[in-house]
Amino acid sequence: MIFGIMGLVGCWMLGCSLSSGALARLGAANPQTIGDCFSGDYWLDLWCIFLWPLFWPCWFAYLLARGAVVSK
């Protein structure tokens, strides 16, 4: 039981760290944002990092709808 909880927490923390790195890289590449903030609002970035299991599927669906993922 305890190892299952530790595994879930570890997986969530790994996702948070990967998400924060990815959002910082996306923010640094965008000239519209200040510093390494992805959305222009650090609180929104923080929510995206903590809720990464919800953020990444929504972001990928947005990119698919925009046609940015599928090569033409």
N, C-alpha and C. Protein backbone atom coordinates (compact mmCIF):
# COMPACT_ATOMS: atom_id res chain seq x y z
N MET A 1 0.82 -1.20 0.00
CA MET A 1 0.00 0.00 0.00
C MET A 1 0.87 1.26 0.00
N ILE A 2 1.84 1.30 0.92
CA ILE A 2 2.69 2.49 1.03
C ILE A 2 3.55 2.66 -0.21
N PHE A 3 4.00 1.54 -0.81
CA PHE A 3 4.83 1.65 -2.01
C PHE A 3 4.01 2.13 -3.20
N GLY A 4 2.74 1.77 -3.25
CA GLY A 4 1.87 2.26 -4.31
C GLY A 4 1.67 3.77 -4.23
N ILE A 5 1.48 4.26 -3.02
CA ILE A 5 1.32 5.70 -2.82
C ILE A 5 2.61 6.43 -3.14
N MET A 6 3.74 5.86 -2.71
CA MET A 6 5.04 6.48 -3.01
C MET A 6 5.29 6.49 -4.51
N GLY A 7 4.88 5.44 -5.21
CA GLY A 7 5.03 5.40 -6.66
C GLY A 7 4.19 6.45 -7.36
N LEU A 8 2.95 6.62 -6.90
CA LEU A 8 2.08 7.65 -7.48
C LEU A 8 2.64 9.05 -7.24
N VAL A 9 3.11 9.30 -6.04
CA VAL A 9 3.68 10.61 -5.72
C VAL A 9 4.95 10.84 -6.54
N GLY A 10 5.78 9.81 -6.67
CA GLY A 10 7.00 9.94 -7.47
C GLY A 10 6.69 10.20 -8.94
N CYS A 11 5.70 9.52 -9.47
CA CYS A 11 5.30 9.73 -10.87
C CYS A 11 4.76 11.14 -11.06
N TRP A 12 3.96 11.61 -10.11
CA TRP A 12 3.40 12.96 -10.21
C TRP A 12 4.51 14.00 -10.13
N MET A 13 5.49 13.80 -9.23
CA MET A 13 6.59 14.75 -9.10
C MET A 13 7.48 14.75 -10.34
N LEU A 14 7.68 13.59 -10.94
CA LEU A 14 8.45 13.52 -12.19
C LEU A 14 7.72 14.28 -13.30
N GLY A 15 6.41 14.09 -13.39
CA GLY A 15 5.62 14.84 -14.37
C GLY A 15 5.67 16.33 -14.13
N CYS A 16 5.66 16.75 -12.86
CA CYS A 16 5.76 18.18 -12.54
C CYS A 16 7.10 18.74 -12.98
N SER A 17 8.17 18.00 -12.73
CA SER A 17 9.49 18.53 -13.10
C SER A 17 9.65 18.58 -14.62
N LEU A 18 9.18 17.56 -15.32
CA LEU A 18 9.26 17.59 -16.78
C LEU A 18 8.38 18.70 -17.36
N SER A 19 7.21 18.90 -16.75
CA SER A 19 6.30 19.95 -17.22
C SER A 19 6.90 21.33 -17.00
N SER A 20 7.53 21.55 -15.84
CA SER A 20 8.11 22.87 -15.59
C SER A 20 9.26 23.14 -16.56
N GLY A 21 10.05 22.13 -16.87
CA GLY A 21 11.12 22.32 -17.86
C GLY A 21 10.58 22.60 -19.24
N ALA A 22 9.54 21.87 -19.63
CA ALA A 22 8.96 22.07 -20.96
C ALA A 22 8.29 23.44 -21.07
N LEU A 23 7.56 23.85 -20.04
CA LEU A 23 6.90 25.16 -20.08
C LEU A 23 7.92 26.29 -20.07
N ALA A 24 9.01 26.12 -19.33
CA ALA A 24 10.06 27.16 -19.33
C ALA A 24 10.70 27.26 -20.71
N ARG A 25 10.90 26.13 -21.35
CA ARG A 25 11.51 26.15 -22.69
C ARG A 25 10.55 26.78 -23.71
N LEU A 26 9.26 26.44 -23.63
CA LEU A 26 8.28 27.05 -24.53
C LEU A 26 8.16 28.55 -24.27
N GLY A 27 8.20 28.94 -23.00
CA GLY A 27 8.10 30.36 -22.66
C GLY A 27 9.31 31.15 -23.13
N ALA A 28 10.48 30.55 -23.03
CA ALA A 28 11.70 31.24 -23.47
C ALA A 28 11.72 31.40 -24.98
N ALA A 29 11.09 30.49 -25.71
CA ALA A 29 11.07 30.56 -27.17
C ALA A 29 10.03 31.55 -27.69
N ASN A 30 9.10 31.96 -26.84
CA ASN A 30 8.01 32.84 -27.26
C ASN A 30 8.39 34.30 -26.97
N PRO A 31 8.50 35.15 -27.98
CA PRO A 31 8.88 36.55 -27.72
C PRO A 31 7.76 37.36 -27.06
N GLN A 32 6.55 36.83 -26.99
CA GLN A 32 5.43 37.55 -26.39
C GLN A 32 5.43 37.47 -24.87
N THR A 33 6.22 36.56 -24.28
CA THR A 33 6.21 36.38 -22.84
C THR A 33 7.44 37.01 -22.22
N ILE A 34 7.38 37.22 -20.92
CA ILE A 34 8.49 37.82 -20.17
C ILE A 34 9.28 36.70 -19.51
N GLY A 35 10.56 36.65 -19.76
CA GLY A 35 11.40 35.63 -19.14
C GLY A 35 11.05 34.25 -19.66
N ASP A 36 10.91 33.32 -18.73
CA ASP A 36 10.60 31.95 -19.12
C ASP A 36 9.16 31.57 -18.77
N CYS A 37 8.30 32.57 -18.58
CA CYS A 37 6.89 32.30 -18.28
C CYS A 37 6.18 31.89 -19.56
N PHE A 38 5.49 30.77 -19.52
CA PHE A 38 4.85 30.22 -20.72
C PHE A 38 3.59 30.99 -21.09
N SER A 39 2.71 31.23 -20.14
CA SER A 39 1.41 31.81 -20.44
C SER A 39 1.37 33.32 -20.24
N GLY A 40 2.41 33.91 -19.69
CA GLY A 40 2.38 35.32 -19.34
C GLY A 40 1.92 35.54 -17.91
N ASP A 41 1.51 34.49 -17.24
CA ASP A 41 1.05 34.56 -15.86
C ASP A 41 1.67 33.39 -15.10
N TYR A 42 2.50 33.70 -14.12
CA TYR A 42 3.19 32.63 -13.39
C TYR A 42 2.23 31.74 -12.61
N TRP A 43 1.11 32.29 -12.13
CA TRP A 43 0.14 31.46 -11.41
C TRP A 43 -0.50 30.44 -12.33
N LEU A 44 -0.81 30.85 -13.56
CA LEU A 44 -1.37 29.91 -14.52
C LEU A 44 -0.36 28.83 -14.87
N ASP A 45 0.90 29.22 -15.02
CA ASP A 45 1.95 28.22 -15.25
C ASP A 45 2.03 27.24 -14.09
N LEU A 46 1.92 27.75 -12.87
CA LEU A 46 1.98 26.89 -11.69
C LEU A 46 0.84 25.88 -11.69
N TRP A 47 -0.36 26.32 -12.04
CA TRP A 47 -1.50 25.40 -12.12
C TRP A 47 -1.30 24.37 -13.23
N CYS A 48 -0.73 24.80 -14.36
CA CYS A 48 -0.46 23.85 -15.45
C CYS A 48 0.54 22.80 -15.02
N ILE A 49 1.52 23.20 -14.21
CA ILE A 49 2.52 22.24 -13.74
C ILE A 49 1.91 21.26 -12.76
N PHE A 50 1.14 21.75 -11.79
CA PHE A 50 0.57 20.86 -10.79
C PHE A 50 -0.54 19.98 -11.35
N LEU A 51 -1.23 20.46 -12.36
CA LEU A 51 -2.31 19.68 -12.98
C LEU A 51 -1.86 19.13 -14.33
N TRP A 52 -0.61 18.71 -14.41
CA TRP A 52 -0.05 18.25 -15.69
C TRP A 52 -0.80 17.08 -16.30
N PRO A 53 -1.43 16.16 -15.54
CA PRO A 53 -2.18 15.10 -16.23
C PRO A 53 -3.38 15.62 -17.03
N LEU A 54 -3.87 16.81 -16.68
CA LEU A 54 -4.96 17.42 -17.45
C LEU A 54 -4.43 18.36 -18.53
N PHE A 55 -3.31 19.04 -18.24
CA PHE A 55 -2.80 20.05 -19.17
C PHE A 55 -2.28 19.45 -20.46
N TRP A 56 -1.45 18.42 -20.39
CA TRP A 56 -0.80 17.92 -21.60
C TRP A 56 -1.76 17.30 -22.61
N PRO A 57 -2.77 16.52 -22.21
CA PRO A 57 -3.74 16.06 -23.23
C PRO A 57 -4.50 17.21 -23.88
N CYS A 58 -4.84 18.24 -23.10
CA CYS A 58 -5.54 19.40 -23.67
C CYS A 58 -4.63 20.16 -24.63
N TRP A 59 -3.36 20.32 -24.27
CA TRP A 59 -2.41 21.02 -25.13
C TRP A 59 -2.20 20.26 -26.43
N PHE A 60 -2.07 18.95 -26.34
CA PHE A 60 -1.86 18.14 -27.54
C PHE A 60 -3.10 18.17 -28.43
N ALA A 61 -4.30 18.16 -27.84
CA ALA A 61 -5.52 18.26 -28.63
C ALA A 61 -5.61 19.61 -29.32
N TYR A 62 -5.18 20.66 -28.64
CA TYR A 62 -5.15 22.00 -29.26
C TYR A 62 -4.21 22.02 -30.45
N LEU A 63 -3.02 21.43 -30.30
CA LEU A 63 -2.07 21.39 -31.41
C LEU A 63 -2.60 20.55 -32.57
N LEU A 64 -3.27 19.45 -32.26
CA LEU A 64 -3.87 18.64 -33.33
C LEU A 64 -4.94 19.42 -34.07
N ALA A 65 -5.77 20.15 -33.33
CA ALA A 65 -6.83 20.92 -33.98
C ALA A 65 -6.26 22.05 -34.82
N ARG A 66 -5.13 22.59 -34.40
CA ARG A 66 -4.47 23.65 -35.15
C ARG A 66 -3.70 23.11 -36.35
N GLY A 67 -3.44 21.83 -36.35
CA GLY A 67 -2.70 21.22 -37.44
C GLY A 67 -1.20 21.32 -37.29
N ALA A 68 -0.74 21.64 -36.09
CA ALA A 68 0.70 21.82 -35.88
C ALA A 68 1.43 20.50 -35.70
N VAL A 69 0.72 19.44 -35.34
CA VAL A 69 1.38 18.17 -35.07
C VAL A 69 1.48 17.33 -36.32
N VAL A 70 0.46 17.36 -37.13
CA VAL A 70 0.41 16.54 -38.34
C VAL A 70 1.21 17.23 -39.44
N SER A 71 2.18 16.53 -39.99
CA SER A 71 2.97 17.13 -41.07
C SER A 71 2.18 17.10 -42.37
N LYS A 72 2.34 18.15 -43.14
CA LYS A 72 1.56 18.27 -44.38
C LYS A 72 2.40 17.93 -45.58
